[in-house]
C-alpha atoms as a PDB file:
ATOM      1  CA  MET A   1       0.109  -0.085   0.039  1.00  0.00           C
ATOM      2  CA  ARG A   2       0.977   3.604  -0.725  1.00  0.00           C
ATOM      3  CA  LEU A   3       0.080   6.517   1.830  1.00  0.00           C
ATOM      4  CA  GLU A   4      -1.134   9.318  -0.423  1.00  0.00           C
ATOM      5  CA  PHE A   5      -2.217  12.876   0.109  1.00  0.00           C
ATOM      6  CA  ILE A   6      -5.819  13.120  -1.031  1.00  0.00           C
ATOM      7  CA  ASN A   7      -5.228  15.544  -3.909  1.00  0.00           C
ATOM      8  CA  ARG A   8      -2.548  13.017  -5.412  1.00  0.00           C
ATOM      9  CA  VAL A   9      -5.148  10.108  -5.303  1.00  0.00           C
ATOM     10  CA  LYS A  10      -6.293   8.950  -8.685  1.00  0.00           C
ATOM     11  CA  VAL A  11     -10.027   8.231  -9.488  1.00  0.00           C
ATOM     12  CA  ASN A  12     -10.770   4.599  -8.942  1.00  0.00           C
ATOM     13  CA  GLU A  13      -7.561   3.715  -7.109  1.00  0.00           C
ATOM     14  CA  ILE A  14      -8.466   1.136  -4.437  1.00  0.00           C
ATOM     15  CA  LEU A  15      -8.647   2.176  -0.905  1.00  0.00           C
ATOM     16  CA  GLY A  16      -6.251  -0.083   1.174  1.00  0.00           C
ATOM     17  CA  LYS A  17      -7.412   0.509   4.958  1.00  0.00           C
ATOM     18  CA  ASN A  18     -10.536   1.263   6.508  1.00  0.00           C
ATOM     19  CA  ILE A  19     -11.324   4.825   7.530  1.00  0.00           C
ATOM     20  CA  VAL A  20     -13.243   5.032  10.590  1.00  0.00           C
ATOM     21  CA  THR A  21     -15.599   7.356  12.360  1.00  0.00           C
ATOM     22  CA  ASN A  22     -15.275   8.492  16.272  1.00  0.00           C
ATOM     23  CA  ASP A  23     -17.439   5.453  17.360  1.00  0.00           C
ATOM     24  CA  GLY A  24     -15.305   3.059  15.354  1.00  0.00           C
ATOM     25  CA  SER A  25     -17.980   2.564  12.601  1.00  0.00           C
ATOM     26  CA  ILE A  26     -16.422   2.220   9.027  1.00  0.00           C
ATOM     27  CA  LEU A  27     -16.912   5.117   6.909  1.00  0.00           C
ATOM     28  CA  LEU A  28     -15.243   3.671   3.981  1.00  0.00           C
ATOM     29  CA  ARG A  29     -14.146   0.083   3.621  1.00  0.00           C
ATOM     30  CA  SER A  30     -10.703  -1.048   2.225  1.00  0.00           C
ATOM     31  CA  GLY A  31     -11.175  -2.484  -1.145  1.00  0.00           C
ATOM     32  CA  VAL A  32     -13.590   0.197  -2.279  1.00  0.00           C
ATOM     33  CA  LYS A  33     -12.827   2.114  -5.467  1.00  0.00           C
ATOM     34  CA  LEU A  34     -12.249   5.742  -4.650  1.00  0.00           C
ATOM     35  CA  ASN A  35     -14.473   7.495  -7.257  1.00  0.00           C
ATOM     36  CA  LYS A  36     -14.615  11.318  -7.611  1.00  0.00           C
ATOM     37  CA  LYS A  37     -17.680  11.428  -5.055  1.00  0.00           C
ATOM     38  CA  TYR A  38     -15.617   9.784  -2.599  1.00  0.00           C
ATOM     39  CA  ILE A  39     -12.436  11.817  -2.947  1.00  0.00           C
ATOM     40  CA  VAL A  40     -14.598  14.964  -2.552  1.00  0.00           C
ATOM     41  CA  LYS A  41     -16.360  13.729   0.465  1.00  0.00           C
ATOM     42  CA  LEU A  42     -13.139  12.825   2.123  1.00  0.00           C
ATOM     43  CA  LYS A  43     -11.674  16.213   1.505  1.00  0.00           C
ATOM     44  CA  LYS A  44     -14.795  17.632   3.139  1.00  0.00           C
ATOM     45  CA  LEU A  45     -14.307  15.385   6.192  1.00  0.00           C
ATOM     46  CA  GLY A  46     -10.737  16.594   6.623  1.00  0.00           C
ATOM     47  CA  VAL A  47      -9.340  13.215   5.792  1.00  0.00           C
ATOM     48  CA  PHE A  48      -6.075  14.386   3.951  1.00  0.00           C
ATOM     49  CA  TYR A  49      -4.117  11.098   3.592  1.00  0.00           C
ATOM     50  CA  VAL A  50      -5.452   7.750   2.563  1.00  0.00           C
ATOM     51  CA  TYR A  51      -3.931   4.366   1.866  1.00  0.00           C
ATOM     52  CA  VAL A  52      -4.351   3.070  -1.453  1.00  0.00           C
ATOM     53  CA  GLU A  53      -3.452  -0.330  -2.868  1.00  0.00           C
ATOM     54  CA  ASP A  54      -0.494  -0.863  -5.117  1.00  0.00           C
ATOM     55  CA  SER A  55       1.191  -4.210  -6.140  1.00  0.00           C
ATOM     56  CA  ARG A  56       4.695  -2.668  -6.363  1.00  0.00           C
ATOM     57  CA  LEU A  57       4.450  -2.343  -2.525  1.00  0.00           C
ATOM     58  CA  ASP A  58       2.717  -5.733  -1.724  1.00  0.00           C
ATOM     59  CA  ASP A  59       6.083  -6.735   0.126  1.00  0.00           C
ATOM     60  CA  VAL A  60       5.653  -3.884   2.742  1.00  0.00           C
ATOM     61  CA  SER A  61       3.777  -4.907   5.549  1.00  0.00           C
ATOM     62  CA  ILE A  62       1.980  -1.758   6.690  1.00  0.00           C
ATOM     63  CA  GLU A  63      -0.913  -2.831   8.556  1.00  0.00           C
ATOM     64  CA  ASP A  64      -1.104  -5.167  11.327  1.00  0.00           C
ATOM     65  CA  GLU A  65      -4.864  -6.254  11.029  1.00  0.00           C
ATOM     66  CA  ARG A  66      -5.174  -7.669  14.604  1.00  0.00           C
ATOM     67  CA  LEU A  67      -3.743  -4.349  16.107  1.00  0.00           C
ATOM     68  CA  SER A  68      -6.134  -2.475  13.831  1.00  0.00           C
ATOM     69  CA  SER A  69      -9.106  -4.655  14.990  1.00  0.00           C
ATOM     70  CA  LEU A  70      -8.140  -4.060  18.652  1.00  0.00           C
ATOM     71  CA  LYS A  71      -7.821  -0.316  17.994  1.00  0.00           C
ATOM     72  CA  GLU A  72     -11.461  -0.287  16.344  1.00  0.00           C
ATOM     73  CA  LEU A  73     -12.773  -2.276  19.074  1.00  0.00           C
ATOM     74  CA  THR A  74     -11.283   0.153  21.722  1.00  0.00           C
ATOM     75  CA  MET A  75     -12.760   3.071  19.820  1.00  0.00           C
ATOM     76  CA  LYS A  76     -16.228   1.256  20.062  1.00  0.00           C
ATOM     77  CA  ASN A  77     -16.059   0.863  23.696  1.00  0.00           C
ATOM     78  CA  MET A  78     -14.649   4.425  24.503  1.00  0.00           C
ATOM     79  CA  SER A  79     -18.025   5.989  25.118  1.00  0.00           C
ATOM     80  CA  THR A  80     -18.766   3.075  27.318  1.00  0.00           C
ATOM     81  CA  ILE A  81     -15.468   3.475  29.199  1.00  0.00           C
ATOM     82  CA  MET A  82     -15.954   7.215  29.617  1.00  0.00           C
ATOM     83  CA  LYS A  83     -19.409   6.815  30.875  1.00  0.00           C
ATOM     84  CA  ASN A  84     -18.482   3.959  33.436  1.00  0.00           C
ATOM     85  CA  VAL A  85     -15.671   5.981  34.712  1.00  0.00           C
ATOM     86  CA  THR A  86     -17.578   9.320  34.876  1.00  0.00           C
ATOM     87  CA  GLU A  87     -20.223   7.692  36.933  1.00  0.00           C
ATOM     88  CA  GLY A  88     -17.913   5.645  39.279  1.00  0.00           C
ATOM     89  CA  ASP A  89     -19.122   2.439  38.012  1.00  0.00           C
ATOM     90  CA  THR A  90     -16.163   0.347  39.271  1.00  0.00           C
ATOM     91  CA  LYS A  91     -17.474  -2.810  37.975  1.00  0.00           C
ATOM     92  CA  GLY A  92     -18.598  -1.653  34.651  1.00  0.00           C
ATOM     93  CA  THR A  93     -15.315   0.228  34.316  1.00  0.00           C
ATOM     94  CA  LYS A  94     -13.249  -2.958  34.921  1.00  0.00           C
ATOM     95  CA  ASN A  95     -15.333  -4.711  32.134  1.00  0.00           C
ATOM     96  CA  SER A  96     -15.179  -2.203  29.580  1.00  0.00           C
ATOM     97  CA  LEU A  97     -11.385  -1.607  30.341  1.00  0.00           C
ATOM     98  CA  SER A  98     -10.686  -5.332  29.382  1.00  0.00           C
ATOM     99  CA  VAL A  99     -10.347  -4.542  25.641  1.00  0.00           C
ATOM    100  CA  VAL A 100      -7.278  -2.137  26.918  1.00  0.00           C
ATOM    101  CA  GLU A 101      -5.647  -5.259  28.589  1.00  0.00           C
ATOM    102  CA  ASP A 102      -6.095  -7.177  25.219  1.00  0.00           C
ATOM    103  CA  LEU A 103      -4.240  -4.239  23.425  1.00  0.00           C
ATOM    104  CA  VAL A 104      -1.338  -4.266  25.815  1.00  0.00           C
ATOM    105  CA  ASN A 105      -0.868  -8.041  25.664  1.00  0.00           C
ATOM    106  CA  TYR A 106      -0.997  -7.973  21.820  1.00  0.00           C
ATOM    107  CA  ILE A 107       1.574  -5.171  21.430  1.00  0.00           C
ATOM    108  CA  ILE A 108       3.803  -6.949  23.947  1.00  0.00           C
ATOM    109  CA  GLU A 109       3.605  -9.988  21.623  1.00  0.00           C
ATOM    110  CA  MET A 110       3.962  -7.911  18.544  1.00  0.00           C
ATOM    111  CA  GLY A 111       6.987  -5.840  19.421  1.00  0.00           C
ATOM    112  CA  ASP A 112       7.130  -4.022  16.016  1.00  0.00           C
ATOM    113  CA  VAL A 113       6.388  -0.186  16.284  1.00  0.00           C
ATOM    114  CA  ASN A 114       7.219   1.088  12.705  1.00  0.00           C
ATOM    115  CA  LYS A 115       3.851   0.038  11.218  1.00  0.00           C
ATOM    116  CA  SER A 116       1.540   1.041  14.170  1.00  0.00           C
ATOM    117  CA  LEU A 117       1.454   4.673  14.944  1.00  0.00           C
ATOM    118  CA  TYR A 118       0.191   6.431  11.832  1.00  0.00           C
ATOM    119  CA  ASP A 119      -3.543   6.561  11.415  1.00  0.00           C
ATOM    120  CA  ILE A 120      -6.100   8.461   9.201  1.00  0.00           C
ATOM    121  CA  GLN A 121      -7.932  10.917  11.148  1.00  0.00           C
ATOM    122  CA  THR A 122     -10.616  13.463  11.036  1.00  0.00           C
ATOM    123  CA  PHE A 123     -11.376  16.361  13.307  1.00  0.00           C
ATOM    124  CA  ASP A 124     -14.748  14.646  14.150  1.00  0.00           C
ATOM    125  CA  ASN A 125     -13.048  11.527  15.320  1.00  0.00           C
ATOM    126  CA  TYR A 126      -9.905  13.465  17.112  1.00  0.00           C
ATOM    127  CA  THR A 127     -10.929  13.143  20.638  1.00  0.00           C
ATOM    128  CA  TYR A 128     -11.058   9.428  20.905  1.00  0.00           C
ATOM    129  CA  LEU A 129      -8.593   8.530  18.482  1.00  0.00           C
ATOM    130  CA  HIS A 130      -6.018  10.772  20.131  1.00  0.00           C
ATOM    131  CA  SER A 131      -6.753   9.163  23.528  1.00  0.00           C
ATOM    132  CA  ILE A 132      -6.151   5.666  21.939  1.00  0.00           C
ATOM    133  CA  ASP A 133      -2.998   6.610  19.752  1.00  0.00           C
ATOM    134  CA  THR A 134      -1.609   8.271  23.101  1.00  0.00           C
ATOM    135  CA  GLY A 135      -2.190   5.011  24.805  1.00  0.00           C
ATOM    136  CA  ILE A 136      -0.578   2.735  21.994  1.00  0.00           C
ATOM    137  CA  MET A 137       2.403   4.942  21.832  1.00  0.00           C
ATOM    138  CA  ALA A 138       2.717   4.921  25.636  1.00  0.00           C
ATOM    139  CA  ILE A 139       2.689   1.039  25.519  1.00  0.00           C
ATOM    140  CA  PHE A 140       5.471   0.825  22.893  1.00  0.00           C
ATOM    141  CA  LEU A 141       7.613   3.446  24.869  1.00  0.00           C
ATOM    142  CA  GLY A 142       6.950   1.705  28.242  1.00  0.00           C
ATOM    143  CA  ILE A 143       8.094  -1.702  26.487  1.00  0.00           C
ATOM    144  CA  THR A 144      11.431  -0.051  25.580  1.00  0.00           C
ATOM    145  CA  MET A 145      11.517   1.253  29.285  1.00  0.00           C
ATOM    146  CA  ASN A 146      11.360  -2.462  30.441  1.00  0.00           C
ATOM    147  CA  LEU A 147       8.052  -1.771  32.349  1.00  0.00           C
ATOM    148  CA  THR A 148       6.234  -4.860  33.698  1.00  0.00           C
ATOM    149  CA  GLN A 149       3.115  -6.074  32.136  1.00  0.00           C
ATOM    150  CA  ASP A 150       1.177  -4.773  35.176  1.00  0.00           C
ATOM    151  CA  GLU A 151       2.829  -1.291  34.813  1.00  0.00           C
ATOM    152  CA  LEU A 152       2.071  -1.273  31.093  1.00  0.00           C
ATOM    153  CA  LYS A 153      -1.488  -1.891  31.791  1.00  0.00           C
ATOM    154  CA  GLU A 154      -1.640   0.944  34.462  1.00  0.00           C
ATOM    155  CA  LEU A 155       0.247   3.248  31.931  1.00  0.00           C
ATOM    156  CA  SER A 156      -2.228   2.342  29.051  1.00  0.00           C
ATOM    157  CA  ILE A 157      -5.199   3.142  31.180  1.00  0.00           C
ATOM    158  CA  GLY A 158      -3.613   6.359  32.551  1.00  0.00           C
ATOM    159  CA  ALA A 159      -2.696   7.340  28.835  1.00  0.00           C
ATOM    160  CA  ILE A 160      -6.214   6.441  27.481  1.00  0.00           C
ATOM    161  CA  LEU A 161      -8.007   8.361  30.098  1.00  0.00           C
ATOM    162  CA  HIS A 162      -5.406  11.327  30.465  1.00  0.00           C
ATOM    163  CA  ASP A 163      -7.924  13.815  29.150  1.00  0.00           C
ATOM    164  CA  ILE A 164     -11.172  12.681  30.820  1.00  0.00           C
ATOM    165  CA  GLY A 165     -10.996  15.966  32.957  1.00  0.00           C
ATOM    166  CA  LYS A 166     -11.909  17.881  29.788  1.00  0.00           C
ATOM    167  CA  THR A 167     -15.500  16.376  29.937  1.00  0.00           C
ATOM    168  CA  LYS A 168     -15.911  18.806  33.028  1.00  0.00           C
ATOM    169  CA  ILE A 169     -14.915  21.752  31.057  1.00  0.00           C
ATOM    170  CA  ASP A 170     -17.286  23.761  28.787  1.00  0.00           C
ATOM    171  CA  LYS A 171     -17.403  22.415  25.147  1.00  0.00           C
ATOM    172  CA  ASN A 172     -17.231  25.815  23.724  1.00  0.00           C
ATOM    173  CA  ILE A 173     -13.736  26.328  25.285  1.00  0.00           C
ATOM    174  CA  ILE A 174     -12.384  23.080  24.202  1.00  0.00           C
ATOM    175  CA  THR A 175     -13.336  23.476  20.670  1.00  0.00           C
ATOM    176  CA  LYS A 176     -12.659  27.246  20.475  1.00  0.00           C
ATOM    177  CA  PRO A 177     -10.849  28.327  17.171  1.00  0.00           C
ATOM    178  CA  GLY A 178      -8.175  30.808  17.655  1.00  0.00           C
ATOM    179  CA  LYS A 179      -6.470  31.798  21.002  1.00  0.00           C
ATOM    180  CA  LEU A 180      -7.942  31.234  24.495  1.00  0.00           C
ATOM    181  CA  THR A 181      -8.457  34.135  26.860  1.00  0.00           C
ATOM    182  CA  LYS A 182      -6.494  34.036  29.905  1.00  0.00           C
ATOM    183  CA  GLU A 183      -9.572  32.985  32.091  1.00  0.00           C
ATOM    184  CA  GLU A 184     -10.259  30.316  29.455  1.00  0.00           C
ATOM    185  CA  PHE A 185      -6.749  28.756  29.484  1.00  0.00           C
ATOM    186  CA  GLU A 186      -6.757  28.989  33.449  1.00  0.00           C
ATOM    187  CA  GLU A 187      -9.735  26.666  33.119  1.00  0.00           C
ATOM    188  CA  ILE A 188      -8.214  24.409  30.684  1.00  0.00           C
ATOM    189  CA  LYS A 189      -5.173  24.077  33.038  1.00  0.00           C
ATOM    190  CA  LYS A 190      -7.504  22.418  35.533  1.00  0.00           C
ATOM    191  CA  HIS A 191      -8.329  19.507  33.539  1.00  0.00           C
ATOM    192  CA  PRO A 192      -5.812  17.099  35.044  1.00  0.00           C
ATOM    193  CA  ILE A 193      -7.196  17.909  38.571  1.00  0.00           C
ATOM    194  CA  TYR A 194     -10.588  17.464  37.217  1.00  0.00           C
ATOM    195  CA  GLY A 195      -9.563  14.051  35.586  1.00  0.00           C
ATOM    196  CA  LYS A 196      -8.154  12.881  39.101  1.00  0.00           C
ATOM    197  CA  GLU A 197     -11.251  13.743  40.813  1.00  0.00           C
ATOM    198  CA  ILE A 198     -13.325  11.820  38.251  1.00  0.00           C
ATOM    199  CA  LEU A 199     -10.986   8.698  38.621  1.00  0.00           C
ATOM    200  CA  GLU A 200     -10.883   8.939  42.499  1.00  0.00           C
ATOM    201  CA  GLN A 201     -14.749   7.935  42.430  1.00  0.00           C
ATOM    202  CA  ASN A 202     -13.672   4.654  40.902  1.00  0.00           C
ATOM    203  CA  PHE A 203     -12.115   2.057  43.190  1.00  0.00           C
ATOM    204  CA  SER A 204     -10.585   0.357  40.407  1.00  0.00           C
ATOM    205  CA  MET A 205      -8.057   2.989  39.587  1.00  0.00           C
ATOM    206  CA  THR A 206      -4.707   2.768  41.321  1.00  0.00           C
ATOM    207  CA  ASN A 207      -2.900   5.748  42.776  1.00  0.00           C
ATOM    208  CA  ARG A 208      -0.390   5.391  39.981  1.00  0.00           C
ATOM    209  CA  VAL A 209      -3.139   5.695  37.224  1.00  0.00           C
ATOM    210  CA  LEU A 210      -4.448   8.847  39.279  1.00  0.00           C
ATOM    211  CA  LYS A 211      -0.966  10.507  39.361  1.00  0.00           C
ATOM    212  CA  ALA A 212      -0.404   9.724  35.598  1.00  0.00           C
ATOM    213  CA  VAL A 213      -3.701  11.639  34.745  1.00  0.00           C
ATOM    214  CA  GLU A 214      -3.065  14.420  37.312  1.00  0.00           C
ATOM    215  CA  HIS A 215       0.767  14.932  36.205  1.00  0.00           C
ATOM    216  CA  HIS A 216       0.493  14.595  32.489  1.00  0.00           C
ATOM    217  CA  HIS A 217       0.881  18.254  31.786  1.00  0.00           C
ATOM    218  CA  GLU A 218       3.799  18.863  34.200  1.00  0.00           C
ATOM    219  CA  ARG A 219       7.185  19.475  32.701  1.00  0.00           C
ATOM    220  CA  VAL A 220      10.570  18.623  34.219  1.00  0.00           C
ATOM    221  CA  ASP A 221      11.798  22.319  34.299  1.00  0.00           C
ATOM    222  CA  GLY A 222       8.605  23.293  36.198  1.00  0.00           C
ATOM    223  CA  ASN A 223       6.876  25.101  33.668  1.00  0.00           C
ATOM    224  CA  GLY A 224       3.877  22.917  33.262  1.00  0.00           C
ATOM    225  CA  TYR A 225       0.553  22.758  35.049  1.00  0.00           C
ATOM    226  CA  PRO A 226      -1.320  22.585  37.318  1.00  0.00           C
ATOM    227  CA  TYR A 227       1.285  22.414  40.135  1.00  0.00           C
ATOM    228  CA  GLY A 228       4.583  23.463  38.434  1.00  0.00           C
ATOM    229  CA  LEU A 229       6.246  20.089  39.527  1.00  0.00           C
ATOM    230  CA  THR A 230       9.904  19.309  38.570  1.00  0.00           C
ATOM    231  CA  LYS A 231      11.817  16.336  37.748  1.00  0.00           C
ATOM    232  CA  ASN A 232      11.264  13.390  40.199  1.00  0.00           C
ATOM    233  CA  GLN A 233       8.187  15.089  41.635  1.00  0.00           C
ATOM    234  CA  ILE A 234       6.357  14.063  38.302  1.00  0.00           C
ATOM    235  CA  SER A 235       5.046  10.609  38.093  1.00  0.00           C
ATOM    236  CA  LYS A 236       7.034   8.169  35.806  1.00  0.00           C
ATOM    237  CA  TYR A 237       3.705   7.188  33.815  1.00  0.00           C
ATOM    238  CA  ALA A 238       2.828  11.013  33.307  1.00  0.00           C
ATOM    239  CA  LYS A 239       6.452  11.680  31.820  1.00  0.00           C
ATOM    240  CA  ILE A 240       5.716   8.970  29.232  1.00  0.00           C
ATOM    241  CA  ILE A 241       2.035  10.026  28.809  1.00  0.00           C
ATOM    242  CA  GLY A 242       3.157  13.702  28.311  1.00  0.00           C
ATOM    243  CA  ILE A 243       5.497  12.949  25.428  1.00  0.00           C
ATOM    244  CA  CYS A 244       3.200  10.882  23.697  1.00  0.00           C
ATOM    245  CA  ASP A 245       0.302  13.140  24.225  1.00  0.00           C
ATOM    246  CA  VAL A 246       2.262  16.115  22.653  1.00  0.00           C
ATOM    247  CA  TYR A 247       3.583  13.948  19.732  1.00  0.00           C
ATOM    248  CA  ASP A 248       0.098  12.921  18.848  1.00  0.00           C
ATOM    249  CA  SER A 249      -1.500  16.254  19.404  1.00  0.00           C
ATOM    250  CA  VAL A 250       1.132  18.381  17.390  1.00  0.00           C
ATOM    251  CA  SER A 251       0.853  15.668  14.558  1.00  0.00           C
ATOM    252  CA  ASN A 252      -2.765  16.114  13.892  1.00  0.00           C
ATOM    253  CA  ASP A 253      -4.927  19.050  12.926  1.00  0.00           C
ATOM    254  CA  ARG A 254      -6.696  21.019  15.863  1.00  0.00           C
ATOM    255  CA  CYS A 255      -9.585  23.452  15.870  1.00  0.00           C
ATOM    256  CA  TYR A 256      -6.833  26.221  16.510  1.00  0.00           C
ATOM    257  CA  ARG A 257      -3.895  25.308  14.286  1.00  0.00           C
ATOM    258  CA  LYS A 258      -2.776  22.937  11.551  1.00  0.00           C
ATOM    259  CA  LYS A 259      -0.766  19.845  12.129  1.00  0.00           C
ATOM    260  CA  PHE A 260       3.066  19.663  12.123  1.00  0.00           C
ATOM    261  CA  ASN A 261       4.666  17.169   9.642  1.00  0.00           C
ATOM    262  CA  PRO A 262       6.159  14.188  11.121  1.00  0.00           C
ATOM    263  CA  SER A 263       9.907  15.374  11.295  1.00  0.00           C
ATOM    264  CA  ASP A 264       8.788  18.675  12.931  1.00  0.00           C
ATOM    265  CA  ALA A 265       6.784  16.809  15.509  1.00  0.00           C
ATOM    266  CA  TYR A 266       9.617  14.504  16.068  1.00  0.00           C
ATOM    267  CA  GLU A 267      12.259  17.277  16.346  1.00  0.00           C
ATOM    268  CA  LEU A 268       9.805  19.053  18.826  1.00  0.00           C
ATOM    269  CA  ILE A 269      10.328  15.993  21.314  1.00  0.00           C
ATOM    270  CA  LEU A 270      13.952  15.741  20.863  1.00  0.00           C
ATOM    271  CA  ALA A 271      14.348  19.475  21.445  1.00  0.00           C
ATOM    272  CA  GLY A 272      12.368  19.422  24.556  1.00  0.00           C
ATOM    273  CA  ALA A 273      14.810  16.756  26.284  1.00  0.00           C
ATOM    274  CA  GLY A 274      15.825  18.116  29.742  1.00  0.00           C
ATOM    275  CA  ASN A 275      13.574  21.131  29.801  1.00  0.00           C
ATOM    276  CA  ALA A 276      10.021  20.022  28.871  1.00  0.00           C
ATOM    277  CA  PHE A 277      10.769  16.399  28.874  1.00  0.00           C
ATOM    278  CA  ASP A 278      12.791  13.698  30.958  1.00  0.00           C
ATOM    279  CA  GLU A 279      16.087  13.100  28.987  1.00  0.00           C
ATOM    280  CA  GLU A 280      16.077   9.381  29.636  1.00  0.00           C
ATOM    281  CA  VAL A 281      12.662   8.875  28.258  1.00  0.00           C
ATOM    282  CA  VAL A 282      13.308  11.088  25.191  1.00  0.00           C
ATOM    283  CA  LYS A 283      16.346   8.718  24.627  1.00  0.00           C
ATOM    284  CA  ASP A 284      13.932   5.863  24.928  1.00  0.00           C
ATOM    285  CA  PHE A 285      11.268   7.676  22.730  1.00  0.00           C
ATOM    286  CA  LYS A 286      14.134   8.109  19.874  1.00  0.00           C
ATOM    287  CA  LYS A 287      14.902   4.174  20.246  1.00  0.00           C
ATOM    288  CA  THR A 288      11.326   3.305  19.906  1.00  0.00           C
ATOM    289  CA  PHE A 289       9.627   5.514  17.052  1.00  0.00           C
ATOM    290  CA  SER A 290      10.563   6.275  13.498  1.00  0.00           C
ATOM    291  CA  VAL A 291       9.885   9.702  12.055  1.00  0.00           C
ATOM    292  CA  PHE A 292       8.136   8.806   8.796  1.00  0.00           C
ATOM    293  CA  PRO A 293       5.403   5.956   8.461  1.00  0.00           C
ATOM    294  CA  LEU A 294       5.758   3.236   6.129  1.00  0.00           C
ATOM    295  CA  GLY A 295       4.193   3.751   2.776  1.00  0.00           C
ATOM    296  CA  VAL A 296       4.399   7.646   2.868  1.00  0.00           C
ATOM    297  CA  CYS A 297       5.918   9.475  -0.105  1.00  0.00           C
ATOM    298  CA  LEU A 298       8.869  11.754   0.616  1.00  0.00           C
ATOM    299  CA  LYS A 299      10.479  14.280  -1.627  1.00  0.00           C
ATOM    300  CA  LEU A 300      14.417  14.262  -1.465  1.00  0.00           C
ATOM    301  CA  SER A 301      16.614  17.286  -1.826  1.00  0.00           C
ATOM    302  CA  ASN A 302      17.796  15.631  -5.285  1.00  0.00           C
ATOM    303  CA  GLY A 303      14.348  15.819  -6.507  1.00  0.00           C
ATOM    304  CA  VAL A 304      13.498  12.233  -6.478  1.00  0.00           C
ATOM    305  CA  GLU A 305      10.334  11.081  -4.727  1.00  0.00           C
ATOM    306  CA  GLY A 306      10.097   7.634  -2.979  1.00  0.00           C
ATOM    307  CA  TYR A 307       8.042   5.603  -0.549  1.00  0.00           C
ATOM    308  CA  VAL A 308       9.084   4.442   2.542  1.00  0.00           C
ATOM    309  CA  ILE A 309       9.405   0.721   2.742  1.00  0.00           C
ATOM    310  CA  LYS A 310      11.544   0.091   5.545  1.00  0.00           C
ATOM    311  CA  GLN A 311      13.106   1.752   8.754  1.00  0.00           C
ATOM    312  CA  ASN A 312      16.736   1.837   9.530  1.00  0.00           C
ATOM    313  CA  LYS A 313      17.164   0.930  13.249  1.00  0.00           C
ATOM    314  CA  ASN A 314      18.587   3.631  15.448  1.00  0.00           C
ATOM    315  CA  PHE A 315      18.227   6.152  12.622  1.00  0.00           C
ATOM    316  CA  PRO A 316      14.627   7.329  12.610  1.00  0.00           C
ATOM    317  CA  ASP A 317      14.951   9.878  10.023  1.00  0.00           C
ATOM    318  CA  ARG A 318      16.941   7.789   7.426  1.00  0.00           C
ATOM    319  CA  PRO A 319      14.602   5.223   6.134  1.00  0.00           C
ATOM    320  CA  ILE A 320      14.897   3.008   2.946  1.00  0.00           C
ATOM    321  CA  LEU A 321      12.564   4.230   0.026  1.00  0.00           C
ATOM    322  CA  ARG A 322      11.246   2.797  -3.222  1.00  0.00           C
ATOM    323  CA  VAL A 323      11.011   5.087  -6.176  1.00  0.00           C
ATOM    324  CA  LEU A 324       7.965   4.261  -8.393  1.00  0.00           C
ATOM    325  CA  TYR A 325       7.553   7.309 -10.643  1.00  0.00           C
ATOM    326  CA  GLU A 326       9.762   9.664 -12.683  1.00  0.00           C
ATOM    327  CA  SER A 327       9.789  12.717 -10.709  1.00  0.00           C
ATOM    328  CA  GLU A 328       8.785  15.509 -13.311  1.00  0.00           C
ATOM    329  CA  THR A 329       6.122  13.495 -15.117  1.00  0.00           C
ATOM    330  CA  ARG A 330       4.881  11.025 -12.528  1.00  0.00           C
ATOM    331  CA  LEU A 331       4.872   8.303 -15.058  1.00  0.00           C
ATOM    332  CA  PRO A 332       5.449   4.911 -13.715  1.00  0.00           C
ATOM    333  CA  ILE A 333       9.125   3.656 -14.049  1.00  0.00           C
ATOM    334  CA  LYS A 334      10.810   0.355 -13.128  1.00  0.00           C
ATOM    335  CA  PHE A 335      11.099   0.850  -9.503  1.00  0.00           C
ATOM    336  CA  TYR A 336      14.302   0.891  -7.704  1.00  0.00           C
ATOM    337  CA  GLU A 337      15.378   1.519  -3.879  1.00  0.00           C
ATOM    338  CA  ILE A 338      17.375   4.402  -2.158  1.00  0.00           C
ATOM    339  CA  ASP A 339      18.827   3.755   1.390  1.00  0.00           C
ATOM    340  CA  LEU A 340      19.077   7.170   2.995  1.00  0.00           C
ATOM    341  CA  LEU A 341      21.689   5.673   5.382  1.00  0.00           C
ATOM    342  CA  LYS A 342      24.109   5.278   2.494  1.00  0.00           C
ATOM    343  CA  HIS A 343      23.484   8.824   0.865  1.00  0.00           C
ATOM    344  CA  HIS A 344      24.538  11.224   3.400  1.00  0.00           C
ATOM    345  CA  ASN A 345      24.346  14.203   0.948  1.00  0.00           C
ATOM    346  CA  VAL A 346      20.701  13.513   0.429  1.00  0.00           C
ATOM    347  CA  ILE A 347      18.229  14.952   2.879  1.00  0.00           C
ATOM    348  CA  VAL A 348      14.197  14.719   3.063  1.00  0.00           C
ATOM    349  CA  GLU A 349      12.646  17.951   2.045  1.00  0.00           C
ATOM    350  CA  SER A 350       8.891  17.268   2.497  1.00  0.00           C
ATOM    351  CA  ILE A 351       6.161  14.656   2.731  1.00  0.00           C
ATOM    352  CA  MET A 352       4.237  14.631  -0.520  1.00  0.00           C
END
């Protein structure tokens, strides 16, 4: 499969991956022909990238079907999870969170991150997808940090519920386009406290989960909120969730700003080491995640465009590309590959 910008998709190309709505329902199913009507509809919904089938990339394993189905199942359960948690229904919460445990167990078995972090998102399904993607990233990062299975379960619950306190904030503030007033931002800054208060009503939540939610906006230099904690005052889980939250947030369109490209989002995390983020956690982040998703098209400084087919371990911004088209005419050619690790004078200029 190729990951294509919607404006580059040709009429009647085959959709390679399901596009889902906020509740996990399938908006468009993989295998459908993308006619002009569908392409226009996707643009209106804010879906800017889609996976399309391409036999020249059949050997590139982009999607793990089991992980994808677990993610969709978690999305379908999110409204139930949120309802049970906010109502303090301990038994209901435990039952509805069983899908999260399945997600943790499968990711531990899977042990491969490069094909798991990128997803197609619209503004409407941002809230739940952001929570789930933050949870998935946190699990992978926690595995790198040698957390136990029980710790990974706690971490994932804290990550998936990290923004639950926003349910107590006026929706008009949450979705406001443009800059918040000082008073509005002060209210936003209370959502970690609100989140802890909601979770305290639920006896199935451990103290470490409570701290993860309460501290996820704290920063090691003391410039976070709500308490201005520093370094070791901040929960270990919160240090992990804070990084994953920021990365996923800036990688997606929000009501008040456009998304960063993946390399800029990645650099934002690396640049924050030692001030915003814990240095050791950032080092593990770099070990765990690659900059560019498999299947995406990159434009290089030499004018060539190629699709990411493999990651180079420990070199997150130097993948191996497969060139399918002539750069100027976009006509198909006999494909060849470029390993950016072996071409030090060539850099990635942009994602196409």
